[in-house]
Amino acid sequence: MSARPGVATFTIIGVNVVVFLLTLAWGGTRGTLFDGGAMIAQTAQDASGNVLTGVSDGGYWRLLTAAFLHSGAGHLIFNMFTLVLFGPMVEQILGVRRFVAAYLTTAIGSSVFVYWLSPPLTPTIGASGAVFGVLGLTLVLLIRTGNDLRGLLVLLAINAFYSLRPGISWEGHLGGFVVGVVLGAVLAYAPRENRTTWQVGGFVVVWVAMLIAVLLRTAQLS
């Protein structure tokens, strides 16, 4: 458990806020910071003629950086509010290092799903994939501890419906949630004996699976 519950959650929120302010300072959604970090599968040009190197052409950093970009204040506030609701609890149970590792892994997992399922020239941004990952972790942890799931299930149903709206990346939401559930199972149900070894091994399996998925999709798009 984390001795200071919430420290990692609020650090992540702080990073998102700082990146958002920097994005505004560098031209907003048409600026270089936004263009350089958004998730896009194939190389494209923006409205100003700037080249956006796609993941399939070596822009692998986009798999992570997209999770720290937001299109506007409302987008940022909605994601960070949801993270505040569930992040500290998950962090307290898992500890800071496991929570941060899980958050970043679900962020990348979200982008991997986008890489495979979204149109290759459609840019995607936002922390919502990682936030859905936290919801997936929460679901498994509540099941493991025998707590009431009804409130979370209602929230998940609402968010699933919201994810189907135009302009919303259901692919990213699904990816983050799936990876969150998998990691939640790894972290919550690892045998007590050699628990750390099992948990690290579970992370490695997830990372290898994501790497293979990225390489296969890259070969397909190249």
C-alpha atoms as a PDB file:
ATOM      1  CA  MET A   1       0.000   0.000   0.000  1.00  0.00           C
ATOM      2  CA  SER A   2       1.016   3.607  -0.536  1.00  0.00           C
ATOM      3  CA  ALA A   3       2.044   5.482   2.617  1.00  0.00           C
ATOM      4  CA  ARG A   4       0.881   8.729   1.024  1.00  0.00           C
ATOM      5  CA  PRO A   5      -2.242   7.872  -0.971  1.00  0.00           C
ATOM      6  CA  GLY A   6      -2.809  10.161  -3.905  1.00  0.00           C
ATOM      7  CA  VAL A   7       0.735  11.455  -4.400  1.00  0.00           C
ATOM      8  CA  ALA A   8       1.171   9.676  -7.741  1.00  0.00           C
ATOM      9  CA  THR A   9      -2.376  10.455  -8.859  1.00  0.00           C
ATOM     10  CA  PHE A  10      -1.986  14.170  -8.240  1.00  0.00           C
ATOM     11  CA  THR A  11       1.476  14.170  -9.803  1.00  0.00           C
ATOM     12  CA  ILE A  12      -0.023  12.670 -12.965  1.00  0.00           C
ATOM     13  CA  ILE A  13      -2.767  15.297 -12.872  1.00  0.00           C
ATOM     14  CA  GLY A  14      -0.138  18.006 -12.434  1.00  0.00           C
ATOM     15  CA  VAL A  15       1.802  16.752 -15.443  1.00  0.00           C
ATOM     16  CA  ASN A  16      -1.372  16.774 -17.545  1.00  0.00           C
ATOM     17  CA  VAL A  17      -2.173  20.343 -16.491  1.00  0.00           C
ATOM     18  CA  VAL A  18       1.365  21.558 -17.222  1.00  0.00           C
ATOM     19  CA  VAL A  19       1.366  19.887 -20.635  1.00  0.00           C
ATOM     20  CA  PHE A  20      -2.025  21.445 -21.390  1.00  0.00           C
ATOM     21  CA  LEU A  21      -0.729  24.921 -20.524  1.00  0.00           C
ATOM     22  CA  LEU A  22       2.385  24.358 -22.623  1.00  0.00           C
ATOM     23  CA  THR A  23       0.186  23.208 -25.492  1.00  0.00           C
ATOM     24  CA  LEU A  24      -1.794  26.450 -25.272  1.00  0.00           C
ATOM     25  CA  ALA A  25       1.444  28.445 -25.234  1.00  0.00           C
ATOM     26  CA  TRP A  26       2.649  26.633 -28.368  1.00  0.00           C
ATOM     27  CA  GLY A  27      -0.396  27.254 -30.521  1.00  0.00           C
ATOM     28  CA  GLY A  28      -3.039  24.982 -29.016  1.00  0.00           C
ATOM     29  CA  THR A  29      -4.386  22.162 -31.159  1.00  0.00           C
ATOM     30  CA  ARG A  30      -2.604  23.608 -34.197  1.00  0.00           C
ATOM     31  CA  GLY A  31       0.731  24.022 -32.464  1.00  0.00           C
ATOM     32  CA  THR A  32       3.961  22.073 -32.678  1.00  0.00           C
ATOM     33  CA  LEU A  33       3.623  20.421 -29.265  1.00  0.00           C
ATOM     34  CA  PHE A  34       0.178  19.082 -30.123  1.00  0.00           C
ATOM     35  CA  ASP A  35       1.274  17.925 -33.573  1.00  0.00           C
ATOM     36  CA  GLY A  36       4.384  16.302 -32.164  1.00  0.00           C
ATOM     37  CA  GLY A  37       2.601  14.293 -29.489  1.00  0.00           C
ATOM     38  CA  ALA A  38      -0.796  13.265 -30.863  1.00  0.00           C
ATOM     39  CA  MET A  39      -1.350   9.596 -31.671  1.00  0.00           C
ATOM     40  CA  ILE A  40      -1.434   9.042 -35.428  1.00  0.00           C
ATOM     41  CA  ALA A  41      -0.683   5.770 -37.168  1.00  0.00           C
ATOM     42  CA  GLN A  42       0.653   6.978 -40.512  1.00  0.00           C
ATOM     43  CA  THR A  43       2.608  10.071 -41.477  1.00  0.00           C
ATOM     44  CA  ALA A  44       0.400  13.000 -42.445  1.00  0.00           C
ATOM     45  CA  GLN A  45       0.428  16.767 -42.860  1.00  0.00           C
ATOM     46  CA  ASP A  46      -1.490  19.245 -40.729  1.00  0.00           C
ATOM     47  CA  ALA A  47      -3.365  22.273 -42.066  1.00  0.00           C
ATOM     48  CA  SER A  48      -0.150  24.313 -42.011  1.00  0.00           C
ATOM     49  CA  GLY A  49       1.770  21.758 -44.020  1.00  0.00           C
ATOM     50  CA  ASN A  50       3.794  20.451 -41.074  1.00  0.00           C
ATOM     51  CA  VAL A  51       4.672  16.770 -41.318  1.00  0.00           C
ATOM     52  CA  LEU A  52       3.439  14.523 -38.501  1.00  0.00           C
ATOM     53  CA  THR A  53       5.596  11.411 -38.392  1.00  0.00           C
ATOM     54  CA  GLY A  54       3.270   8.474 -37.817  1.00  0.00           C
ATOM     55  CA  VAL A  55       3.945   5.545 -35.518  1.00  0.00           C
ATOM     56  CA  SER A  56       4.420   3.270 -38.527  1.00  0.00           C
ATOM     57  CA  ASP A  57       7.268   5.533 -39.696  1.00  0.00           C
ATOM     58  CA  GLY A  58       9.091   5.613 -36.374  1.00  0.00           C
ATOM     59  CA  GLY A  59       6.973   7.974 -34.262  1.00  0.00           C
ATOM     60  CA  TYR A  60       6.679   5.442 -31.466  1.00  0.00           C
ATOM     61  CA  TRP A  61       6.730   8.098 -28.748  1.00  0.00           C
ATOM     62  CA  ARG A  62       3.179   8.994 -29.771  1.00  0.00           C
ATOM     63  CA  LEU A  63       1.920   5.791 -28.149  1.00  0.00           C
ATOM     64  CA  LEU A  64       2.568   7.454 -24.774  1.00  0.00           C
ATOM     65  CA  THR A  65       2.654  11.210 -25.352  1.00  0.00           C
ATOM     66  CA  ALA A  66      -0.904  11.280 -26.725  1.00  0.00           C
ATOM     67  CA  ALA A  67      -2.162  10.373 -23.243  1.00  0.00           C
ATOM     68  CA  PHE A  68      -0.946  13.725 -21.882  1.00  0.00           C
ATOM     69  CA  LEU A  69      -2.543  15.955 -24.528  1.00  0.00           C
ATOM     70  CA  HIS A  70      -6.065  17.392 -24.420  1.00  0.00           C
ATOM     71  CA  SER A  71      -8.118  19.323 -26.941  1.00  0.00           C
ATOM     72  CA  GLY A  72      -9.549  21.801 -24.436  1.00  0.00           C
ATOM     73  CA  ALA A  73     -10.149  22.615 -20.783  1.00  0.00           C
ATOM     74  CA  GLY A  74     -13.373  20.585 -20.653  1.00  0.00           C
ATOM     75  CA  HIS A  75     -11.626  17.514 -22.041  1.00  0.00           C
ATOM     76  CA  LEU A  76      -8.859  17.859 -19.451  1.00  0.00           C
ATOM     77  CA  ILE A  77     -11.180  18.530 -16.501  1.00  0.00           C
ATOM     78  CA  PHE A  78     -13.450  15.565 -17.266  1.00  0.00           C
ATOM     79  CA  ASN A  79     -10.535  13.131 -17.431  1.00  0.00           C
ATOM     80  CA  MET A  80      -8.774  14.510 -14.356  1.00  0.00           C
ATOM     81  CA  PHE A  81     -12.002  14.554 -12.323  1.00  0.00           C
ATOM     82  CA  THR A  82     -12.554  10.862 -13.033  1.00  0.00           C
ATOM     83  CA  LEU A  83      -8.932  10.152 -12.154  1.00  0.00           C
ATOM     84  CA  VAL A  84      -9.351  11.978  -8.825  1.00  0.00           C
ATOM     85  CA  LEU A  85     -12.385   9.820  -8.017  1.00  0.00           C
ATOM     86  CA  PHE A  86     -10.646   6.468  -8.470  1.00  0.00           C
ATOM     87  CA  GLY A  87      -6.896   7.022  -8.692  1.00  0.00           C
ATOM     88  CA  PRO A  88      -6.099   7.554  -4.990  1.00  0.00           C
ATOM     89  CA  MET A  89      -7.965   4.402  -3.950  1.00  0.00           C
ATOM     90  CA  VAL A  90      -6.216   2.240  -6.547  1.00  0.00           C
ATOM     91  CA  GLU A  91      -2.885   3.853  -5.706  1.00  0.00           C
ATOM     92  CA  GLN A  92      -3.344   3.176  -1.994  1.00  0.00           C
ATOM     93  CA  ILE A  93      -3.994  -0.502  -2.660  1.00  0.00           C
ATOM     94  CA  LEU A  94      -1.262  -1.043  -5.250  1.00  0.00           C
ATOM     95  CA  GLY A  95       1.400   1.358  -4.032  1.00  0.00           C
ATOM     96  CA  VAL A  96       2.971   4.199  -5.987  1.00  0.00           C
ATOM     97  CA  ARG A  97       5.283   2.201  -8.239  1.00  0.00           C
ATOM     98  CA  ARG A  98       2.712  -0.381  -9.276  1.00  0.00           C
ATOM     99  CA  PHE A  99       0.081   2.297  -9.807  1.00  0.00           C
ATOM    100  CA  VAL A 100       2.332   4.448 -12.000  1.00  0.00           C
ATOM    101  CA  ALA A 101       3.483   1.399 -13.965  1.00  0.00           C
ATOM    102  CA  ALA A 102      -0.132   0.318 -14.477  1.00  0.00           C
ATOM    103  CA  TYR A 103      -1.252   3.826 -15.482  1.00  0.00           C
ATOM    104  CA  LEU A 104       1.484   4.225 -18.088  1.00  0.00           C
ATOM    105  CA  THR A 105       0.958   0.694 -19.383  1.00  0.00           C
ATOM    106  CA  THR A 106      -2.774   1.243 -19.852  1.00  0.00           C
ATOM    107  CA  ALA A 107      -2.024   4.561 -21.585  1.00  0.00           C
ATOM    108  CA  ILE A 108       0.194   2.766 -24.095  1.00  0.00           C
ATOM    109  CA  GLY A 109      -2.255  -0.131 -24.373  1.00  0.00           C
ATOM    110  CA  SER A 110      -4.974   2.353 -25.252  1.00  0.00           C
ATOM    111  CA  SER A 111      -2.826   3.704 -28.086  1.00  0.00           C
ATOM    112  CA  VAL A 112      -2.053   0.193 -29.321  1.00  0.00           C
ATOM    113  CA  PHE A 113      -5.787  -0.447 -29.736  1.00  0.00           C
ATOM    114  CA  VAL A 114      -6.095   2.899 -31.543  1.00  0.00           C
ATOM    115  CA  TYR A 115      -3.156   1.916 -33.746  1.00  0.00           C
ATOM    116  CA  TRP A 116      -4.982  -1.225 -34.843  1.00  0.00           C
ATOM    117  CA  LEU A 117      -8.620  -0.153 -34.905  1.00  0.00           C
ATOM    118  CA  SER A 118      -8.752   3.553 -35.792  1.00  0.00           C
ATOM    119  CA  PRO A 119      -8.328   5.066 -39.273  1.00  0.00           C
ATOM    120  CA  PRO A 120      -4.544   5.463 -39.694  1.00  0.00           C
ATOM    121  CA  LEU A 121      -4.684   9.179 -40.517  1.00  0.00           C
ATOM    122  CA  THR A 122      -6.977  10.159 -37.637  1.00  0.00           C
ATOM    123  CA  PRO A 123      -5.102  11.839 -34.752  1.00  0.00           C
ATOM    124  CA  THR A 124      -6.130  10.767 -31.252  1.00  0.00           C
ATOM    125  CA  ILE A 125      -5.341  12.420 -27.922  1.00  0.00           C
ATOM    126  CA  GLY A 126      -6.358  12.383 -24.283  1.00  0.00           C
ATOM    127  CA  ALA A 127      -5.853  10.628 -20.963  1.00  0.00           C
ATOM    128  CA  SER A 128      -9.215   8.872 -21.211  1.00  0.00           C
ATOM    129  CA  GLY A 129      -7.664   5.578 -22.300  1.00  0.00           C
ATOM    130  CA  ALA A 130      -5.479   5.526 -19.192  1.00  0.00           C
ATOM    131  CA  VAL A 131      -8.434   6.665 -17.069  1.00  0.00           C
ATOM    132  CA  PHE A 132     -10.451   3.744 -18.433  1.00  0.00           C
ATOM    133  CA  GLY A 133      -7.465   1.629 -17.456  1.00  0.00           C
ATOM    134  CA  VAL A 134      -7.824   2.870 -13.883  1.00  0.00           C
ATOM    135  CA  LEU A 135     -11.529   1.981 -14.032  1.00  0.00           C
ATOM    136  CA  GLY A 136     -10.569  -1.518 -15.182  1.00  0.00           C
ATOM    137  CA  LEU A 137      -8.135  -1.825 -12.282  1.00  0.00           C
ATOM    138  CA  THR A 138     -10.831  -0.582  -9.905  1.00  0.00           C
ATOM    139  CA  LEU A 139     -13.316  -3.165 -11.157  1.00  0.00           C
ATOM    140  CA  VAL A 140     -10.961  -6.071 -10.528  1.00  0.00           C
ATOM    141  CA  LEU A 141      -9.862  -4.754  -7.129  1.00  0.00           C
ATOM    142  CA  LEU A 142     -13.483  -4.329  -6.013  1.00  0.00           C
ATOM    143  CA  ILE A 143     -14.261  -7.885  -7.117  1.00  0.00           C
ATOM    144  CA  ARG A 144     -11.171  -9.164  -5.304  1.00  0.00           C
ATOM    145  CA  THR A 145     -12.100  -7.411  -2.058  1.00  0.00           C
ATOM    146  CA  GLY A 146     -15.797  -8.270  -2.282  1.00  0.00           C
ATOM    147  CA  ASN A 147     -17.011  -4.659  -2.424  1.00  0.00           C
ATOM    148  CA  ASP A 148     -20.209  -3.373  -4.026  1.00  0.00           C
ATOM    149  CA  LEU A 149     -19.831  -2.981  -7.796  1.00  0.00           C
ATOM    150  CA  ARG A 150     -23.123  -1.288  -8.621  1.00  0.00           C
ATOM    151  CA  GLY A 151     -21.918   2.306  -8.601  1.00  0.00           C
ATOM    152  CA  LEU A 152     -18.896   1.503 -10.746  1.00  0.00           C
ATOM    153  CA  LEU A 153     -20.945  -0.577 -13.180  1.00  0.00           C
ATOM    154  CA  VAL A 154     -23.396   2.295 -13.662  1.00  0.00           C
ATOM    155  CA  LEU A 155     -20.501   4.668 -14.330  1.00  0.00           C
ATOM    156  CA  LEU A 156     -18.950   2.216 -16.785  1.00  0.00           C
ATOM    157  CA  ALA A 157     -22.271   1.861 -18.620  1.00  0.00           C
ATOM    158  CA  ILE A 158     -22.599   5.642 -18.911  1.00  0.00           C
ATOM    159  CA  ASN A 159     -19.038   5.975 -20.153  1.00  0.00           C
ATOM    160  CA  ALA A 160     -19.476   3.120 -22.618  1.00  0.00           C
ATOM    161  CA  PHE A 161     -22.500   4.893 -24.090  1.00  0.00           C
ATOM    162  CA  TYR A 162     -20.576   8.181 -24.184  1.00  0.00           C
ATOM    163  CA  SER A 163     -17.703   6.441 -25.985  1.00  0.00           C
ATOM    164  CA  LEU A 164     -19.981   5.758 -28.967  1.00  0.00           C
ATOM    165  CA  ARG A 165     -20.471   9.459 -29.700  1.00  0.00           C
ATOM    166  CA  PRO A 166     -18.844  10.877 -32.857  1.00  0.00           C
ATOM    167  CA  GLY A 167     -15.349  12.182 -32.268  1.00  0.00           C
ATOM    168  CA  ILE A 168     -14.772   9.965 -29.222  1.00  0.00           C
ATOM    169  CA  SER A 169     -12.138   7.239 -29.435  1.00  0.00           C
ATOM    170  CA  TRP A 170     -14.014   4.139 -28.321  1.00  0.00           C
ATOM    171  CA  GLU A 171     -10.959   2.197 -29.490  1.00  0.00           C
ATOM    172  CA  GLY A 172      -8.748   3.965 -26.969  1.00  0.00           C
ATOM    173  CA  HIS A 173     -11.292   3.605 -24.182  1.00  0.00           C
ATOM    174  CA  LEU A 174     -11.683  -0.108 -24.891  1.00  0.00           C
ATOM    175  CA  GLY A 175      -7.934  -0.659 -25.055  1.00  0.00           C
ATOM    176  CA  GLY A 176      -7.238   1.097 -21.785  1.00  0.00           C
ATOM    177  CA  PHE A 177     -10.035  -0.772 -20.025  1.00  0.00           C
ATOM    178  CA  VAL A 178      -8.964  -4.195 -21.321  1.00  0.00           C
ATOM    179  CA  VAL A 179      -5.336  -3.651 -20.329  1.00  0.00           C
ATOM    180  CA  GLY A 180      -6.486  -2.308 -16.956  1.00  0.00           C
ATOM    181  CA  VAL A 181      -8.556  -5.428 -16.288  1.00  0.00           C
ATOM    182  CA  VAL A 182      -5.665  -7.698 -17.280  1.00  0.00           C
ATOM    183  CA  LEU A 183      -3.195  -5.844 -15.070  1.00  0.00           C
ATOM    184  CA  GLY A 184      -5.749  -5.742 -12.272  1.00  0.00           C
ATOM    185  CA  ALA A 185      -6.023  -9.515 -12.407  1.00  0.00           C
ATOM    186  CA  VAL A 186      -2.235  -9.857 -12.410  1.00  0.00           C
ATOM    187  CA  LEU A 187      -1.825  -7.532  -9.430  1.00  0.00           C
ATOM    188  CA  ALA A 188      -4.819  -8.648  -7.369  1.00  0.00           C
ATOM    189  CA  TYR A 189      -4.676 -12.406  -7.870  1.00  0.00           C
ATOM    190  CA  ALA A 190      -0.929 -13.064  -7.892  1.00  0.00           C
ATOM    191  CA  PRO A 191      -0.117 -15.918  -5.472  1.00  0.00           C
ATOM    192  CA  ARG A 192       1.112 -14.684  -2.100  1.00  0.00           C
ATOM    193  CA  GLU A 193       4.287 -16.722  -2.498  1.00  0.00           C
ATOM    194  CA  ASN A 194       6.634 -14.926  -4.930  1.00  0.00           C
ATOM    195  CA  ARG A 195       3.945 -12.288  -5.489  1.00  0.00           C
ATOM    196  CA  THR A 196       6.348  -9.662  -6.825  1.00  0.00           C
ATOM    197  CA  THR A 197       7.820 -12.114  -9.318  1.00  0.00           C
ATOM    198  CA  TRP A 198       4.353 -13.016 -10.591  1.00  0.00           C
ATOM    199  CA  GLN A 199       3.352  -9.370 -10.863  1.00  0.00           C
ATOM    200  CA  VAL A 200       6.505  -8.303 -12.684  1.00  0.00           C
ATOM    201  CA  GLY A 201       6.137 -11.311 -14.965  1.00  0.00           C
ATOM    202  CA  GLY A 202       2.557 -10.290 -15.718  1.00  0.00           C
ATOM    203  CA  PHE A 203       3.663  -6.794 -16.685  1.00  0.00           C
ATOM    204  CA  VAL A 204       6.380  -8.221 -18.911  1.00  0.00           C
ATOM    205  CA  VAL A 205       3.863 -10.450 -20.704  1.00  0.00           C
ATOM    206  CA  VAL A 206       1.588  -7.452 -21.315  1.00  0.00           C
ATOM    207  CA  TRP A 207       4.484  -5.315 -22.576  1.00  0.00           C
ATOM    208  CA  VAL A 208       5.698  -8.061 -24.899  1.00  0.00           C
ATOM    209  CA  ALA A 209       2.168  -8.555 -26.245  1.00  0.00           C
ATOM    210  CA  MET A 210       1.866  -4.818 -26.911  1.00  0.00           C
ATOM    211  CA  LEU A 211       5.278  -4.739 -28.587  1.00  0.00           C
ATOM    212  CA  ILE A 212       4.333  -7.608 -30.883  1.00  0.00           C
ATOM    213  CA  ALA A 213       1.024  -5.906 -31.706  1.00  0.00           C
ATOM    214  CA  VAL A 214       2.828  -2.665 -32.585  1.00  0.00           C
ATOM    215  CA  LEU A 215       5.397  -4.443 -34.751  1.00  0.00           C
ATOM    216  CA  LEU A 216       2.718  -6.400 -36.618  1.00  0.00           C
ATOM    217  CA  ARG A 217       0.630  -3.294 -37.260  1.00  0.00           C
ATOM    218  CA  THR A 218       3.717  -1.355 -38.346  1.00  0.00           C
ATOM    219  CA  ALA A 219       4.597  -4.076 -40.840  1.00  0.00           C
ATOM    220  CA  GLN A 220       1.023  -3.971 -42.125  1.00  0.00           C
ATOM    221  CA  LEU A 221       1.042  -0.194 -42.636  1.00  0.00           C
ATOM    222  CA  SER A 222       4.570   0.108 -44.018  1.00  0.00           C
END
